[in-house]
C-alpha atoms as a PDB file:
ATOM      1  CA  MET A   1      57.846 137.273 112.494  1.00  0.00           C
ATOM      2  CA  PHE A   2      59.829 136.750 109.288  1.00  0.00           C
ATOM      3  CA  PRO A   3      59.422 139.134 106.336  1.00  0.00           C
ATOM      4  CA  SER A   4      57.057 138.171 103.518  1.00  0.00           C
ATOM      5  CA  ASN A   5      59.869 138.155 100.972  1.00  0.00           C
ATOM      6  CA  GLU A   6      61.030 134.805 102.382  1.00  0.00           C
ATOM      7  CA  ILE A   7      57.803 133.304 101.038  1.00  0.00           C
ATOM      8  CA  THR A   8      58.143 132.357  97.373  1.00  0.00           C
ATOM      9  CA  GLU A   9      55.469 132.258  94.685  1.00  0.00           C
ATOM     10  CA  GLN A  10      55.773 128.461  94.762  1.00  0.00           C
ATOM     11  CA  ASN A  11      55.109 128.474  98.524  1.00  0.00           C
ATOM     12  CA  VAL A  12      51.974 130.555  97.995  1.00  0.00           C
ATOM     13  CA  GLN A  13      50.780 128.308  95.187  1.00  0.00           C
ATOM     14  CA  ASP A  14      51.395 125.166  97.271  1.00  0.00           C
ATOM     15  CA  ILE A  15      49.299 126.540 100.140  1.00  0.00           C
ATOM     16  CA  VAL A  16      46.482 127.610  97.811  1.00  0.00           C
ATOM     17  CA  ILE A  17      46.368 124.258  96.022  1.00  0.00           C
ATOM     18  CA  THR A  18      46.352 122.377  99.328  1.00  0.00           C
ATOM     19  CA  ALA A  19      43.518 124.563 100.597  1.00  0.00           C
ATOM     20  CA  LEU A  20      41.456 124.199  97.439  1.00  0.00           C
ATOM     21  CA  GLU A  21      41.955 120.450  97.180  1.00  0.00           C
ATOM     22  CA  GLY A  22      40.841 119.679 100.695  1.00  0.00           C
ATOM     23  CA  GLY A  23      41.324 122.376 103.299  1.00  0.00           C
ATOM     24  CA  ILE A  24      38.475 124.805 102.688  1.00  0.00           C
ATOM     25  CA  ASN A  25      35.833 122.665 101.030  1.00  0.00           C
ATOM     26  CA  TYR A  26      33.818 122.344 104.244  1.00  0.00           C
ATOM     27  CA  TRP A  27      33.080 126.101 104.363  1.00  0.00           C
ATOM     28  CA  ALA A  28      33.695 127.524 100.878  1.00  0.00           C
ATOM     29  CA  ASP A  29      30.691 127.365  98.572  1.00  0.00           C
ATOM     30  CA  PHE A  30      32.755 127.772  95.427  1.00  0.00           C
ATOM     31  CA  ALA A  31      36.414 127.936  94.564  1.00  0.00           C
ATOM     32  CA  ASP A  32      37.382 127.165  90.999  1.00  0.00           C
ATOM     33  CA  VAL A  33      40.294 124.730  91.372  1.00  0.00           C
ATOM     34  CA  SER A  34      40.800 124.771  87.610  1.00  0.00           C
ATOM     35  CA  LEU A  35      42.072 128.343  87.982  1.00  0.00           C
ATOM     36  CA  ILE A  36      45.188 127.092  89.717  1.00  0.00           C
ATOM     37  CA  ASP A  37      47.729 125.931  87.202  1.00  0.00           C
ATOM     38  CA  MET A  38      51.359 126.500  86.368  1.00  0.00           C
ATOM     39  CA  HIS A  39      50.623 130.136  85.496  1.00  0.00           C
ATOM     40  CA  TYR A  40      49.976 131.121  89.114  1.00  0.00           C
ATOM     41  CA  PRO A  41      46.658 132.918  88.510  1.00  0.00           C
ATOM     42  CA  LEU A  42      46.021 134.979  91.640  1.00  0.00           C
ATOM     43  CA  PRO A  43      43.853 136.844  92.438  1.00  0.00           C
ATOM     44  CA  PHE A  44      40.674 134.801  92.181  1.00  0.00           C
ATOM     45  CA  THR A  45      37.325 134.714  93.921  1.00  0.00           C
ATOM     46  CA  ILE A  46      36.067 132.313  96.561  1.00  0.00           C
ATOM     47  CA  THR A  47      32.355 132.330  97.377  1.00  0.00           C
ATOM     48  CA  VAL A  48      31.373 131.871 101.020  1.00  0.00           C
ATOM     49  CA  GLU A  49      27.754 131.963 102.193  1.00  0.00           C
ATOM     50  CA  GLY A  50      26.790 133.742  98.977  1.00  0.00           C
ATOM     51  CA  LYS A  51      29.449 136.444  99.313  1.00  0.00           C
ATOM     52  CA  ASN A  52      32.525 136.772  97.131  1.00  0.00           C
ATOM     53  CA  PHE A  53      35.985 137.189  98.629  1.00  0.00           C
ATOM     54  CA  VAL A  54      39.129 137.838  96.631  1.00  0.00           C
ATOM     55  CA  LEU A  55      42.207 135.773  97.415  1.00  0.00           C
ATOM     56  CA  THR A  56      45.464 137.494  96.466  1.00  0.00           C
ATOM     57  CA  ASP A  57      49.163 136.783  96.655  1.00  0.00           C
ATOM     58  CA  VAL A  58      49.554 139.452  99.346  1.00  0.00           C
ATOM     59  CA  SER A  59      46.672 138.089 101.427  1.00  0.00           C
ATOM     60  CA  ILE A  60      48.052 134.524 101.279  1.00  0.00           C
ATOM     61  CA  ARG A  61      51.492 135.751 102.382  1.00  0.00           C
ATOM     62  CA  PHE A  62      49.789 137.553 105.270  1.00  0.00           C
ATOM     63  CA  GLY A  63      47.891 134.371 106.158  1.00  0.00           C
ATOM     64  CA  ILE A  64      51.077 132.285 106.103  1.00  0.00           C
ATOM     65  CA  GLU A  65      52.780 134.673 108.499  1.00  0.00           C
ATOM     66  CA  LYS A  66      49.766 134.792 110.831  1.00  0.00           C
ATOM     67  CA  GLU A  67      49.315 131.011 110.952  1.00  0.00           C
ATOM     68  CA  ALA A  68      53.020 130.237 111.350  1.00  0.00           C
ATOM     69  CA  ASN A  69      53.156 132.730 114.213  1.00  0.00           C
ATOM     70  CA  ARG A  70      49.971 131.341 115.808  1.00  0.00           C
ATOM     71  CA  ARG A  71      51.447 127.848 115.737  1.00  0.00           C
ATOM     72  CA  GLY A  72      54.800 129.071 117.070  1.00  0.00           C
ATOM     73  CA  ARG A  73      56.697 127.877 114.002  1.00  0.00           C
ATOM     74  CA  ALA A  74      59.234 129.598 111.793  1.00  0.00           C
ATOM     75  CA  ILE A  75      57.868 130.405 108.350  1.00  0.00           C
ATOM     76  CA  TRP A  76      60.285 128.029 106.619  1.00  0.00           C
ATOM     77  CA  GLU A  77      59.242 125.231 108.990  1.00  0.00           C
ATOM     78  CA  PHE A  78      55.553 125.940 108.443  1.00  0.00           C
ATOM     79  CA  LEU A  79      56.001 125.936 104.675  1.00  0.00           C
ATOM     80  CA  GLU A  80      57.989 122.686 104.705  1.00  0.00           C
ATOM     81  CA  ASN A  81      55.510 120.888 106.986  1.00  0.00           C
ATOM     82  CA  HIS A  82      51.957 122.021 106.270  1.00  0.00           C
ATOM     83  CA  ASP A  83      48.777 120.073 105.680  1.00  0.00           C
ATOM     84  CA  ALA A  84      45.199 120.822 104.595  1.00  0.00           C
ATOM     85  CA  ASP A  85      44.269 122.103 108.067  1.00  0.00           C
ATOM     86  CA  ASP A  86      47.190 124.545 108.009  1.00  0.00           C
ATOM     87  CA  ALA A  87      46.274 125.704 104.493  1.00  0.00           C
ATOM     88  CA  ASP A  88      42.646 126.144 105.582  1.00  0.00           C
ATOM     89  CA  CYS A  89      43.751 128.455 108.389  1.00  0.00           C
ATOM     90  CA  VAL A  90      46.025 130.432 106.048  1.00  0.00           C
ATOM     91  CA  VAL A  91      43.121 131.080 103.664  1.00  0.00           C
ATOM     92  CA  GLN A  92      40.844 132.089 106.539  1.00  0.00           C
ATOM     93  CA  TRP A  93      43.453 134.604 107.750  1.00  0.00           C
ATOM     94  CA  ALA A  94      43.836 135.798 104.149  1.00  0.00           C
ATOM     95  CA  LEU A  95      40.107 136.311 103.556  1.00  0.00           C
ATOM     96  CA  PHE A  96      38.719 137.232 106.990  1.00  0.00           C
ATOM     97  CA  ASN A  97      41.746 138.304 109.079  1.00  0.00           C
ATOM     98  CA  ASP A  98      40.477 135.763 111.604  1.00  0.00           C
ATOM     99  CA  LEU A  99      39.813 132.039 112.034  1.00  0.00           C
ATOM    100  CA  VAL A 100      36.073 131.855 111.434  1.00  0.00           C
ATOM    101  CA  TYR A 101      35.485 128.167 110.632  1.00  0.00           C
ATOM    102  CA  GLY A 102      36.543 124.965 112.388  1.00  0.00           C
END
């Protein structure tokens, strides 16, 4: 697995935006998309089944590494070629340390 320092703030933001705009909306009750802007405002809270979970930069980096490894892809390849499903899985790893939904 590649070290987290190869994952940039822009990579993290791209994954989070992709997840919020279409990857996690089938299981997340509330995630304030307006919080994501050019100022990179992590951490923030996502509500799932009435419980609040905090999404952080560190947890997203962890999720990226876990999902890239699960899919057998290098981190750079995963980051260059991800979609809403990939971003969904990253956020699930970040929040639950597991793939709980879908």
